[in-house]
Amino acid sequence: MANIKDQRLTAGIMTRDRQGGVVLFMSLIMLLIITVLGLSSVQTTSMQERMARSSRDVNLAFQAAESAIKDAETIVEEFASLSDFDAADANTNGLYYEAEFDEESNWKTVDWDAADGNYFTASTTVANVASQPKYIVEHVKTVVSDEDRLNLDNVGQDTGSGRAQIFRVTVYATGGTDSARVMIQSTYGKRF
C-alpha cells in the first residue's frame, strides 16, 4: 500500500512540474503581449504629442502672418500716391508692381530667408516665433469707375467717377520653429 501511495505522490509531483513549465511559458507570453501593448501606447502618445506641437506651431505661424497683414494694411493706408512704387529703389524695398503675365510672381522671387531681403519686416513683434513675419506690397492695378456704370468689380464707389488703387500684400511667417511656414495674401483697395 505504501508503494501505491508513493506512486500517486510521485505522479502528482510530475504533473505539477509539467504544469509549472506550462505556467512559466504562458506567463512569458502574457508578459510579451503586455510589453508590446505598452510600447504601442507609448508610441501613440508620442505621436499625438508631436501632432499637437506641430498644430500649435502652424497656428502660431498663421497668427503671426495675420498680424503682419494688419501692419501692411496700415502702410498702404498711409500712401498718398504711387510715387513710392516709382522710386529708384522700387522692387528692392518691399514695394513692387505686379509682375507681367509671362514673368514669375514677385513673391516667388523674394528670398524670404535672407537677412536683408527685399521685404518689410513686421513692426508688431510676435512672441515665440523663430523669425518675425515679413511681407511685400504689390500694386496690382488701378480701377476707374465711370459715371453711370455699375461697379461690377465692387471696388471704389457705387457709381460715378473715382479711382481705386488695388494692392496685394504677401506675408511669409514662421511658427515656433523654422519648419512651420505660412504664406498668405490679402488684396486691399484704397482711393487716393
N, C-alpha and C. Protein backbone atom coordinates (compact mmCIF):
# COMPACT_ATOMS: atom_id res chain seq x y z
N MET A 1 0.78 -1.18 0.00
CA MET A 1 0.00 0.00 0.00
C MET A 1 0.84 1.27 0.00
N ALA A 2 1.85 1.22 0.71
CA ALA A 2 2.72 2.37 0.75
C ALA A 2 3.28 2.64 -0.64
N ASN A 3 3.49 1.56 -1.38
CA ASN A 3 4.02 1.70 -2.72
C ASN A 3 3.03 2.42 -3.63
N ILE A 4 1.75 2.13 -3.48
CA ILE A 4 0.72 2.79 -4.30
C ILE A 4 0.65 4.27 -3.94
N LYS A 5 0.74 4.59 -2.66
CA LYS A 5 0.73 6.00 -2.24
C LYS A 5 1.94 6.72 -2.80
N ASP A 6 3.11 6.09 -2.78
CA ASP A 6 4.31 6.71 -3.31
C ASP A 6 4.17 6.97 -4.82
N GLN A 7 3.51 6.00 -5.53
CA GLN A 7 3.34 6.20 -6.96
C GLN A 7 2.40 7.38 -7.24
N ARG A 8 1.32 7.48 -6.45
CA ARG A 8 0.41 8.61 -6.64
C ARG A 8 1.11 9.91 -6.30
N LEU A 9 1.85 9.94 -5.24
CA LEU A 9 2.57 11.13 -4.83
C LEU A 9 3.59 11.52 -5.89
N THR A 10 4.29 10.52 -6.43
CA THR A 10 5.28 10.79 -7.48
C THR A 10 4.57 11.29 -8.73
N ALA A 11 3.43 10.72 -9.09
CA ALA A 11 2.67 11.16 -10.27
C ALA A 11 2.19 12.59 -10.09
N GLY A 12 1.77 12.95 -8.88
CA GLY A 12 1.32 14.32 -8.59
C GLY A 12 2.45 15.31 -8.72
N ILE A 13 3.61 14.95 -8.29
CA ILE A 13 4.77 15.84 -8.39
C ILE A 13 5.17 16.01 -9.85
N MET A 14 5.13 14.95 -10.63
CA MET A 14 5.49 15.05 -12.04
C MET A 14 4.49 15.96 -12.77
N THR A 15 3.21 15.82 -12.44
CA THR A 15 2.19 16.63 -13.07
C THR A 15 2.39 18.10 -12.72
N ARG A 16 2.70 18.37 -11.47
CA ARG A 16 2.95 19.75 -11.06
C ARG A 16 4.17 20.31 -11.77
N ASP A 17 5.21 19.53 -11.91
CA ASP A 17 6.42 20.01 -12.60
C ASP A 17 6.11 20.35 -14.06
N ARG A 18 5.34 19.51 -14.71
CA ARG A 18 4.98 19.81 -16.10
C ARG A 18 4.11 21.05 -16.17
N GLN A 19 3.18 21.18 -15.25
CA GLN A 19 2.32 22.36 -15.23
C GLN A 19 3.13 23.61 -14.93
N GLY A 20 4.11 23.52 -14.09
CA GLY A 20 4.97 24.67 -13.77
C GLY A 20 5.67 25.17 -15.01
N GLY A 21 6.09 24.30 -15.88
CA GLY A 21 6.73 24.71 -17.13
C GLY A 21 5.75 25.40 -18.06
N VAL A 22 4.52 24.89 -18.13
CA VAL A 22 3.49 25.49 -18.97
C VAL A 22 3.10 26.84 -18.42
N VAL A 23 2.98 26.96 -17.11
CA VAL A 23 2.62 28.22 -16.48
C VAL A 23 3.72 29.25 -16.74
N LEU A 24 4.97 28.85 -16.65
CA LEU A 24 6.08 29.77 -16.92
C LEU A 24 6.03 30.23 -18.38
N PHE A 25 5.80 29.33 -19.29
CA PHE A 25 5.71 29.66 -20.72
C PHE A 25 4.54 30.63 -20.97
N MET A 26 3.38 30.34 -20.40
CA MET A 26 2.21 31.21 -20.57
C MET A 26 2.46 32.58 -19.94
N SER A 27 3.14 32.61 -18.82
CA SER A 27 3.46 33.88 -18.16
C SER A 27 4.37 34.72 -19.03
N LEU A 28 5.35 34.09 -19.66
CA LEU A 28 6.25 34.82 -20.54
C LEU A 28 5.51 35.36 -21.77
N ILE A 29 4.60 34.56 -22.32
CA ILE A 29 3.79 35.02 -23.46
C ILE A 29 2.94 36.22 -23.05
N MET A 30 2.30 36.14 -21.90
CA MET A 30 1.46 37.26 -21.42
C MET A 30 2.32 38.50 -21.18
N LEU A 31 3.50 38.32 -20.61
CA LEU A 31 4.40 39.43 -20.38
C LEU A 31 4.83 40.08 -21.70
N LEU A 32 5.08 39.26 -22.70
CA LEU A 32 5.44 39.78 -24.02
C LEU A 32 4.30 40.58 -24.63
N ILE A 33 3.08 40.09 -24.53
CA ILE A 33 1.90 40.79 -25.06
C ILE A 33 1.70 42.12 -24.34
N ILE A 34 1.84 42.12 -23.03
CA ILE A 34 1.66 43.35 -22.25
C ILE A 34 2.75 44.36 -22.61
N THR A 35 3.97 43.88 -22.81
CA THR A 35 5.08 44.77 -23.20
C THR A 35 4.82 45.40 -24.56
N VAL A 36 4.36 44.61 -25.53
CA VAL A 36 4.05 45.14 -26.86
C VAL A 36 2.93 46.17 -26.77
N LEU A 37 1.89 45.90 -25.99
CA LEU A 37 0.80 46.87 -25.83
C LEU A 37 1.31 48.15 -25.17
N GLY A 38 2.16 48.03 -24.18
CA GLY A 38 2.72 49.20 -23.50
C GLY A 38 3.55 50.05 -24.45
N LEU A 39 4.41 49.40 -25.23
CA LEU A 39 5.23 50.13 -26.20
C LEU A 39 4.36 50.81 -27.26
N SER A 40 3.33 50.13 -27.69
CA SER A 40 2.43 50.71 -28.69
C SER A 40 1.73 51.95 -28.13
N SER A 41 1.28 51.90 -26.89
CA SER A 41 0.60 53.06 -26.31
C SER A 41 1.58 54.22 -26.10
N VAL A 42 2.82 53.92 -25.73
CA VAL A 42 3.82 54.98 -25.59
C VAL A 42 4.11 55.63 -26.94
N GLN A 43 4.22 54.82 -27.98
CA GLN A 43 4.48 55.35 -29.32
C GLN A 43 3.30 56.19 -29.80
N THR A 44 2.07 55.75 -29.56
CA THR A 44 0.88 56.50 -29.95
C THR A 44 0.83 57.83 -29.22
N THR A 45 1.11 57.82 -27.93
CA THR A 45 1.11 59.06 -27.15
C THR A 45 2.17 60.02 -27.65
N SER A 46 3.34 59.51 -27.98
CA SER A 46 4.42 60.34 -28.50
C SER A 46 4.02 60.96 -29.83
N MET A 47 3.38 60.19 -30.70
CA MET A 47 2.95 60.70 -32.00
C MET A 47 1.88 61.77 -31.83
N GLN A 48 0.94 61.56 -30.93
CA GLN A 48 -0.11 62.55 -30.69
C GLN A 48 0.48 63.84 -30.14
N GLU A 49 1.49 63.71 -29.30
CA GLU A 49 2.15 64.90 -28.77
C GLU A 49 2.85 65.68 -29.87
N ARG A 50 3.52 64.99 -30.79
CA ARG A 50 4.17 65.66 -31.91
C ARG A 50 3.15 66.34 -32.82
N MET A 51 2.00 65.68 -33.06
CA MET A 51 0.96 66.29 -33.90
C MET A 51 0.40 67.55 -33.24
N ALA A 52 0.19 67.50 -31.93
CA ALA A 52 -0.32 68.67 -31.21
C ALA A 52 0.69 69.81 -31.26
N ARG A 53 1.96 69.49 -31.09
CA ARG A 53 3.01 70.51 -31.15
C ARG A 53 3.08 71.12 -32.54
N SER A 54 2.98 70.29 -33.56
CA SER A 54 3.02 70.78 -34.94
C SER A 54 1.82 71.66 -35.24
N SER A 55 0.66 71.25 -34.78
CA SER A 55 -0.56 72.05 -34.99
C SER A 55 -0.43 73.41 -34.30
N ARG A 56 0.10 73.42 -33.10
CA ARG A 56 0.31 74.68 -32.37
C ARG A 56 1.30 75.56 -33.14
N ASP A 57 2.35 74.95 -33.67
CA ASP A 57 3.38 75.68 -34.40
C ASP A 57 2.81 76.34 -35.66
N VAL A 58 2.00 75.61 -36.40
CA VAL A 58 1.37 76.17 -37.61
C VAL A 58 0.39 77.27 -37.24
N ASN A 59 -0.36 77.07 -36.17
CA ASN A 59 -1.31 78.09 -35.73
C ASN A 59 -0.57 79.37 -35.32
N LEU A 60 0.56 79.23 -34.64
CA LEU A 60 1.36 80.38 -34.26
C LEU A 60 1.86 81.12 -35.50
N ALA A 61 2.31 80.37 -36.51
CA ALA A 61 2.77 80.98 -37.76
C ALA A 61 1.63 81.73 -38.45
N PHE A 62 0.44 81.14 -38.46
CA PHE A 62 -0.70 81.79 -39.10
C PHE A 62 -1.07 83.08 -38.36
N GLN A 63 -1.05 83.06 -37.03
CA GLN A 63 -1.37 84.26 -36.26
C GLN A 63 -0.34 85.35 -36.50
N ALA A 64 0.94 84.96 -36.63
CA ALA A 64 2.00 85.93 -36.93
C ALA A 64 1.76 86.55 -38.31
N ALA A 65 1.36 85.74 -39.28
CA ALA A 65 1.07 86.24 -40.63
C ALA A 65 -0.11 87.20 -40.60
N GLU A 66 -1.12 86.88 -39.84
CA GLU A 66 -2.29 87.77 -39.73
C GLU A 66 -1.89 89.12 -39.15
N SER A 67 -1.00 89.13 -38.16
CA SER A 67 -0.58 90.41 -37.58
C SER A 67 0.22 91.22 -38.60
N ALA A 68 1.00 90.55 -39.43
CA ALA A 68 1.77 91.26 -40.47
C ALA A 68 0.85 91.84 -41.54
N ILE A 69 -0.25 91.16 -41.84
CA ILE A 69 -1.23 91.71 -42.79
C ILE A 69 -1.76 93.05 -42.26
N LYS A 70 -2.04 93.11 -40.99
CA LYS A 70 -2.53 94.36 -40.39
C LYS A 70 -1.47 95.46 -40.50
N ASP A 71 -0.21 95.12 -40.27
CA ASP A 71 0.88 96.10 -40.43
C ASP A 71 0.95 96.61 -41.86
N ALA A 72 0.86 95.70 -42.82
CA ALA A 72 0.94 96.08 -44.23
C ALA A 72 -0.23 96.97 -44.63
N GLU A 73 -1.40 96.66 -44.16
CA GLU A 73 -2.57 97.48 -44.48
C GLU A 73 -2.43 98.88 -43.89
N THR A 74 -1.78 98.99 -42.75
CA THR A 74 -1.51 100.31 -42.17
C THR A 74 -0.58 101.11 -43.06
N ILE A 75 0.45 100.45 -43.61
CA ILE A 75 1.37 101.13 -44.53
C ILE A 75 0.63 101.57 -45.79
N VAL A 76 -0.21 100.70 -46.34
CA VAL A 76 -0.95 101.04 -47.56
C VAL A 76 -1.87 102.23 -47.29
N GLU A 77 -2.47 102.30 -46.13
CA GLU A 77 -3.36 103.42 -45.79
C GLU A 77 -2.60 104.74 -45.77
N GLU A 78 -1.30 104.70 -45.51
CA GLU A 78 -0.50 105.92 -45.45
C GLU A 78 -0.08 106.41 -46.84
N PHE A 79 -0.23 105.59 -47.88
CA PHE A 79 0.15 106.02 -49.23
C PHE A 79 -0.76 107.15 -49.68
N ALA A 80 -0.16 108.20 -50.23
CA ALA A 80 -0.93 109.31 -50.80
C ALA A 80 -0.86 109.28 -52.32
N SER A 81 0.13 108.53 -52.84
CA SER A 81 0.28 108.39 -54.29
C SER A 81 1.08 107.12 -54.54
N LEU A 82 1.34 106.86 -55.82
CA LEU A 82 2.14 105.69 -56.18
C LEU A 82 3.61 106.03 -56.35
N SER A 83 4.03 107.20 -55.89
CA SER A 83 5.41 107.64 -56.09
C SER A 83 6.41 106.70 -55.40
N ASP A 84 6.04 106.09 -54.30
CA ASP A 84 6.95 105.14 -53.63
C ASP A 84 7.24 103.94 -54.51
N PHE A 85 6.28 103.56 -55.36
CA PHE A 85 6.47 102.43 -56.26
C PHE A 85 7.33 102.81 -57.46
N ASP A 86 7.37 104.13 -57.80
CA ASP A 86 8.15 104.60 -58.93
C ASP A 86 9.56 105.01 -58.52
N ALA A 87 9.87 104.96 -57.25
CA ALA A 87 11.19 105.40 -56.76
C ALA A 87 12.29 104.50 -57.32
N ALA A 88 13.50 104.99 -57.23
CA ALA A 88 14.65 104.26 -57.78
C ALA A 88 14.85 102.91 -57.10
N ASP A 89 14.49 102.83 -55.83
CA ASP A 89 14.69 101.56 -55.11
C ASP A 89 13.45 100.68 -55.10
N ALA A 90 12.48 100.97 -55.98
CA ALA A 90 11.29 100.11 -56.07
C ALA A 90 11.74 98.71 -56.48
N ASN A 91 11.03 97.72 -56.07
CA ASN A 91 11.32 96.30 -56.27
C ASN A 91 12.54 95.83 -55.46
N THR A 92 13.08 96.71 -54.64
CA THR A 92 14.15 96.30 -53.73
C THR A 92 13.84 96.73 -52.30
N ASN A 93 12.77 97.43 -52.11
CA ASN A 93 12.44 97.94 -50.78
C ASN A 93 11.14 97.35 -50.24
N GLY A 94 10.65 96.30 -50.83
CA GLY A 94 9.41 95.69 -50.38
C GLY A 94 8.18 96.16 -51.14
N LEU A 95 8.35 97.16 -52.01
CA LEU A 95 7.25 97.66 -52.83
C LEU A 95 7.48 97.22 -54.26
N TYR A 96 6.47 96.62 -54.86
CA TYR A 96 6.61 96.05 -56.20
C TYR A 96 5.39 96.41 -57.04
N TYR A 97 5.61 96.49 -58.35
CA TYR A 97 4.49 96.46 -59.27
C TYR A 97 4.21 95.00 -59.57
N GLU A 98 2.96 94.68 -59.85
CA GLU A 98 2.62 93.28 -60.14
C GLU A 98 3.44 92.81 -61.34
N ALA A 99 3.91 91.58 -61.26
CA ALA A 99 4.71 91.01 -62.35
C ALA A 99 3.86 90.88 -63.60
N GLU A 100 4.51 91.03 -64.74
CA GLU A 100 3.83 90.85 -66.01
C GLU A 100 3.35 89.41 -66.13
N PHE A 101 2.44 89.18 -67.06
CA PHE A 101 1.83 87.86 -67.22
C PHE A 101 2.85 86.76 -67.45
N ASP A 102 3.88 87.03 -68.23
CA ASP A 102 4.86 85.99 -68.56
C ASP A 102 6.04 85.95 -67.58
N GLU A 103 6.03 86.79 -66.55
CA GLU A 103 7.11 86.81 -65.57
C GLU A 103 6.72 86.01 -64.33
N GLU A 104 7.72 85.63 -63.57
CA GLU A 104 7.46 84.92 -62.32
C GLU A 104 6.94 85.91 -61.28
N SER A 105 6.02 85.47 -60.45
CA SER A 105 5.42 86.34 -59.44
C SER A 105 6.48 86.89 -58.50
N ASN A 106 6.27 88.11 -58.05
CA ASN A 106 7.24 88.75 -57.17
C ASN A 106 7.47 87.96 -55.89
N TRP A 107 6.41 87.45 -55.29
CA TRP A 107 6.57 86.75 -54.02
C TRP A 107 7.39 85.47 -54.17
N LYS A 108 7.46 84.93 -55.39
CA LYS A 108 8.30 83.75 -55.63
C LYS A 108 9.77 84.11 -55.76
N THR A 109 10.06 85.33 -56.20
CA THR A 109 11.44 85.74 -56.41
C THR A 109 12.10 86.31 -55.16
N VAL A 110 11.32 86.67 -54.17
CA VAL A 110 11.88 87.23 -52.94
C VAL A 110 12.58 86.11 -52.16
N ASP A 111 13.78 86.40 -51.66
CA ASP A 111 14.50 85.46 -50.80
C ASP A 111 14.05 85.73 -49.36
N TRP A 112 13.04 85.00 -48.92
CA TRP A 112 12.43 85.23 -47.62
C TRP A 112 13.38 84.89 -46.47
N ASP A 113 14.38 84.05 -46.72
CA ASP A 113 15.30 83.66 -45.66
C ASP A 113 16.51 84.58 -45.54
N ALA A 114 16.69 85.48 -46.50
CA ALA A 114 17.83 86.41 -46.45
C ALA A 114 17.62 87.42 -45.32
N ALA A 115 18.72 87.77 -44.67
CA ALA A 115 18.63 88.72 -43.55
C ALA A 115 18.25 90.11 -44.03
N ASP A 116 18.68 90.50 -45.20
CA ASP A 116 18.39 91.83 -45.74
C ASP A 116 17.68 91.72 -47.08
N GLY A 117 16.62 90.92 -47.08
CA GLY A 117 15.87 90.68 -48.32
C GLY A 117 15.07 91.90 -48.74
N ASN A 118 14.46 91.81 -49.89
CA ASN A 118 13.65 92.89 -50.46
C ASN A 118 12.23 92.80 -49.94
N TYR A 119 12.08 92.94 -48.65
CA TYR A 119 10.78 92.83 -48.00
C TYR A 119 10.75 93.74 -46.78
N PHE A 120 9.57 93.93 -46.23
CA PHE A 120 9.40 94.62 -44.96
C PHE A 120 9.37 93.58 -43.85
N THR A 121 9.88 93.93 -42.69
CA THR A 121 9.69 93.10 -41.51
C THR A 121 8.59 93.75 -40.69
N ALA A 122 7.66 92.95 -40.23
CA ALA A 122 6.50 93.49 -39.50
C ALA A 122 6.96 94.29 -38.29
N SER A 123 6.31 95.42 -38.06
CA SER A 123 6.68 96.26 -36.92
C SER A 123 6.10 95.72 -35.61
N THR A 124 5.03 94.97 -35.69
CA THR A 124 4.45 94.36 -34.50
C THR A 124 5.27 93.12 -34.15
N THR A 125 5.84 93.09 -32.96
CA THR A 125 6.66 91.96 -32.55
C THR A 125 5.76 90.82 -32.08
N VAL A 126 5.99 89.65 -32.63
CA VAL A 126 5.23 88.46 -32.26
C VAL A 126 6.14 87.58 -31.41
N ALA A 127 5.67 87.21 -30.23
CA ALA A 127 6.48 86.40 -29.31
C ALA A 127 6.48 84.93 -29.73
N ASN A 128 7.55 84.24 -29.39
CA ASN A 128 7.68 82.78 -29.55
C ASN A 128 7.75 82.30 -30.99
N VAL A 129 8.09 83.16 -31.94
CA VAL A 129 8.26 82.71 -33.32
C VAL A 129 9.75 82.65 -33.65
N ALA A 130 10.11 81.80 -34.60
CA ALA A 130 11.51 81.64 -34.99
C ALA A 130 12.05 82.92 -35.60
N SER A 131 11.27 83.58 -36.43
CA SER A 131 11.65 84.88 -37.00
C SER A 131 10.38 85.71 -37.20
N GLN A 132 10.54 86.99 -37.14
CA GLN A 132 9.39 87.89 -37.27
C GLN A 132 8.83 87.82 -38.69
N PRO A 133 7.53 87.98 -38.85
CA PRO A 133 6.93 87.89 -40.19
C PRO A 133 7.44 88.97 -41.13
N LYS A 134 7.47 88.62 -42.43
CA LYS A 134 7.95 89.52 -43.47
C LYS A 134 6.87 89.65 -44.53
N TYR A 135 6.87 90.78 -45.25
CA TYR A 135 5.84 90.94 -46.28
C TYR A 135 6.33 91.87 -47.38
N ILE A 136 5.65 91.76 -48.51
CA ILE A 136 5.84 92.70 -49.63
C ILE A 136 4.47 93.26 -50.00
N VAL A 137 4.50 94.44 -50.62
CA VAL A 137 3.27 95.09 -51.09
C VAL A 137 3.42 95.29 -52.59
N GLU A 138 2.45 94.80 -53.34
CA GLU A 138 2.46 94.95 -54.79
C GLU A 138 1.29 95.83 -55.22
N HIS A 139 1.57 96.75 -56.15
CA HIS A 139 0.49 97.50 -56.76
C HIS A 139 -0.02 96.64 -57.92
N VAL A 140 -1.29 96.26 -57.86
CA VAL A 140 -1.84 95.35 -58.85
C VAL A 140 -2.40 96.12 -60.04
N LYS A 141 -3.29 97.07 -59.78
CA LYS A 141 -3.86 97.86 -60.87
C LYS A 141 -4.66 99.01 -60.32
N THR A 142 -5.07 99.88 -61.23
CA THR A 142 -5.95 101.00 -60.90
C THR A 142 -7.31 100.70 -61.51
N VAL A 143 -8.32 100.81 -60.68
CA VAL A 143 -9.69 100.58 -61.15
C VAL A 143 -10.37 101.94 -61.24
N VAL A 144 -10.89 102.26 -62.42
CA VAL A 144 -11.56 103.54 -62.64
C VAL A 144 -13.04 103.26 -62.82
N SER A 145 -13.85 103.92 -61.99
CA SER A 145 -15.30 103.80 -62.14
C SER A 145 -15.79 104.93 -63.01
N ASP A 146 -16.57 104.62 -64.02
CA ASP A 146 -17.12 105.63 -64.92
C ASP A 146 -18.51 106.04 -64.43
N GLU A 147 -18.88 107.24 -64.78
CA GLU A 147 -20.21 107.73 -64.43
C GLU A 147 -21.27 106.88 -65.13
N ASP A 148 -22.36 106.62 -64.44
CA ASP A 148 -23.49 105.86 -64.96
C ASP A 148 -23.13 104.43 -65.34
N ARG A 149 -22.15 103.88 -64.71
CA ARG A 149 -21.78 102.49 -64.98
C ARG A 149 -21.86 101.74 -63.65
N LEU A 150 -22.42 100.57 -63.69
CA LEU A 150 -22.45 99.76 -62.48
C LEU A 150 -21.05 99.29 -62.15
N ASN A 151 -20.76 99.24 -60.89
CA ASN A 151 -19.43 98.81 -60.44
C ASN A 151 -19.45 97.30 -60.25
N LEU A 152 -19.18 96.56 -61.31
CA LEU A 152 -19.22 95.11 -61.24
C LEU A 152 -18.03 94.53 -60.49
N ASP A 153 -16.94 95.29 -60.41
CA ASP A 153 -15.77 94.82 -59.66
C ASP A 153 -15.95 95.02 -58.16
N ASN A 154 -16.97 95.78 -57.76
CA ASN A 154 -17.27 96.06 -56.37
C ASN A 154 -16.09 96.77 -55.69
N VAL A 155 -15.46 97.67 -56.41
CA VAL A 155 -14.34 98.42 -55.88
C VAL A 155 -14.63 99.90 -56.08
N GLY A 156 -14.30 100.70 -55.11
CA GLY A 156 -14.48 102.15 -55.25
C GLY A 156 -15.90 102.54 -54.92
N GLN A 157 -16.43 103.48 -55.67
CA GLN A 157 -17.77 103.98 -55.42
C GLN A 157 -18.81 103.09 -56.11
N ASP A 158 -20.06 103.26 -55.68
CA ASP A 158 -21.13 102.50 -56.32
C ASP A 158 -21.30 102.92 -57.77
N THR A 159 -21.43 104.20 -58.02
CA THR A 159 -21.48 104.73 -59.39
C THR A 159 -20.71 106.04 -59.38
N GLY A 160 -20.47 106.57 -60.52
CA GLY A 160 -19.76 107.83 -60.60
C GLY A 160 -18.28 107.61 -60.84
N SER A 161 -17.55 108.73 -60.91
CA SER A 161 -16.13 108.61 -61.23
C SER A 161 -15.32 108.45 -59.94
N GLY A 162 -14.23 107.81 -60.05
CA GLY A 162 -13.33 107.60 -58.91
C GLY A 162 -12.26 106.61 -59.29
N ARG A 163 -11.15 106.65 -58.59
CA ARG A 163 -10.05 105.72 -58.85
C ARG A 163 -9.74 104.98 -57.57
N ALA A 164 -9.63 103.72 -57.71
CA ALA A 164 -9.22 102.89 -56.57
C ALA A 164 -7.95 102.16 -56.96
N GLN A 165 -6.96 102.24 -56.11
CA GLN A 165 -5.70 101.53 -56.33
C GLN A 165 -5.80 100.18 -55.62
N ILE A 166 -5.46 99.14 -56.32
CA ILE A 166 -5.55 97.79 -55.75
C ILE A 166 -4.14 97.30 -55.42
N PHE A 167 -3.96 96.86 -54.21
CA PHE A 167 -2.68 96.36 -53.73
C PHE A 167 -2.83 94.92 -53.26
N ARG A 168 -1.77 94.16 -53.43
CA ARG A 168 -1.74 92.78 -52.91
C ARG A 168 -0.60 92.70 -51.90
N VAL A 169 -0.91 92.19 -50.73
CA VAL A 169 0.09 92.01 -49.68
C VAL A 169 0.36 90.52 -49.57
N THR A 170 1.63 90.14 -49.62
CA THR A 170 2.03 88.74 -49.45
C THR A 170 2.88 88.66 -48.19
N VAL A 171 2.49 87.79 -47.28
CA VAL A 171 3.18 87.65 -45.99
C VAL A 171 3.78 86.27 -45.87
N TYR A 172 5.00 86.23 -45.33
CA TYR A 172 5.71 84.99 -45.04
C TYR A 172 5.98 84.99 -43.54
N ALA A 173 5.52 83.95 -42.85
CA ALA A 173 5.72 83.90 -41.40
C ALA A 173 6.11 82.49 -40.98
N THR A 174 6.83 82.41 -39.87
CA THR A 174 7.21 81.12 -39.30
C THR A 174 6.57 80.98 -37.93
N GLY A 175 6.51 79.75 -37.48
CA GLY A 175 5.98 79.48 -36.15
C GLY A 175 7.11 79.44 -35.13
N GLY A 176 6.97 78.60 -34.12
CA GLY A 176 7.99 78.47 -33.10
C GLY A 176 9.28 77.88 -33.65
N THR A 177 9.18 77.18 -34.76
CA THR A 177 10.37 76.63 -35.44
C THR A 177 10.32 77.07 -36.90
N ASP A 178 11.46 76.98 -37.56
CA ASP A 178 11.52 77.36 -38.98
C ASP A 178 10.79 76.36 -39.87
N SER A 179 10.49 75.18 -39.36
CA SER A 179 9.83 74.18 -40.20
C SER A 179 8.35 74.48 -40.41
N ALA A 180 7.76 75.32 -39.56
CA ALA A 180 6.36 75.71 -39.74
C ALA A 180 6.34 77.05 -40.46
N ARG A 181 5.95 77.04 -41.73
CA ARG A 181 5.93 78.25 -42.54
C ARG A 181 4.54 78.48 -43.10
N VAL A 182 4.14 79.73 -43.10
CA VAL A 182 2.82 80.09 -43.64
C VAL A 182 3.00 81.28 -44.56
N MET A 183 2.35 81.23 -45.72
CA MET A 183 2.28 82.38 -46.62
C MET A 183 0.82 82.66 -46.89
N ILE A 184 0.44 83.91 -46.70
CA ILE A 184 -0.92 84.30 -47.01
C ILE A 184 -0.88 85.59 -47.84
N GLN A 185 -1.93 85.80 -48.62
CA GLN A 185 -2.04 87.00 -49.42
C GLN A 185 -3.36 87.68 -49.12
N SER A 186 -3.32 88.99 -49.19
CA SER A 186 -4.51 89.79 -48.97
C SER A 186 -4.56 90.86 -50.07
N THR A 187 -5.74 91.18 -50.53
CA THR A 187 -5.93 92.23 -51.51
C THR A 187 -6.58 93.41 -50.81
N TYR A 188 -6.06 94.60 -51.09
CA TYR A 188 -6.50 95.78 -50.38
C TYR A 188 -6.72 96.90 -51.39
N GLY A 189 -7.86 97.55 -51.34
CA GLY A 189 -8.16 98.66 -52.25
C GLY A 189 -8.16 99.97 -51.49
N LYS A 190 -7.61 101.01 -52.11
CA LYS A 190 -7.56 102.33 -51.47
C LYS A 190 -7.76 103.39 -52.54
N ARG A 191 -8.54 104.40 -52.18
CA ARG A 191 -8.73 105.54 -53.07
C ARG A 191 -7.81 106.67 -52.66
N PHE A 192 -7.10 107.26 -53.62
CA PHE A 192 -6.25 108.42 -53.35
C PHE A 192 -7.07 109.67 -53.55
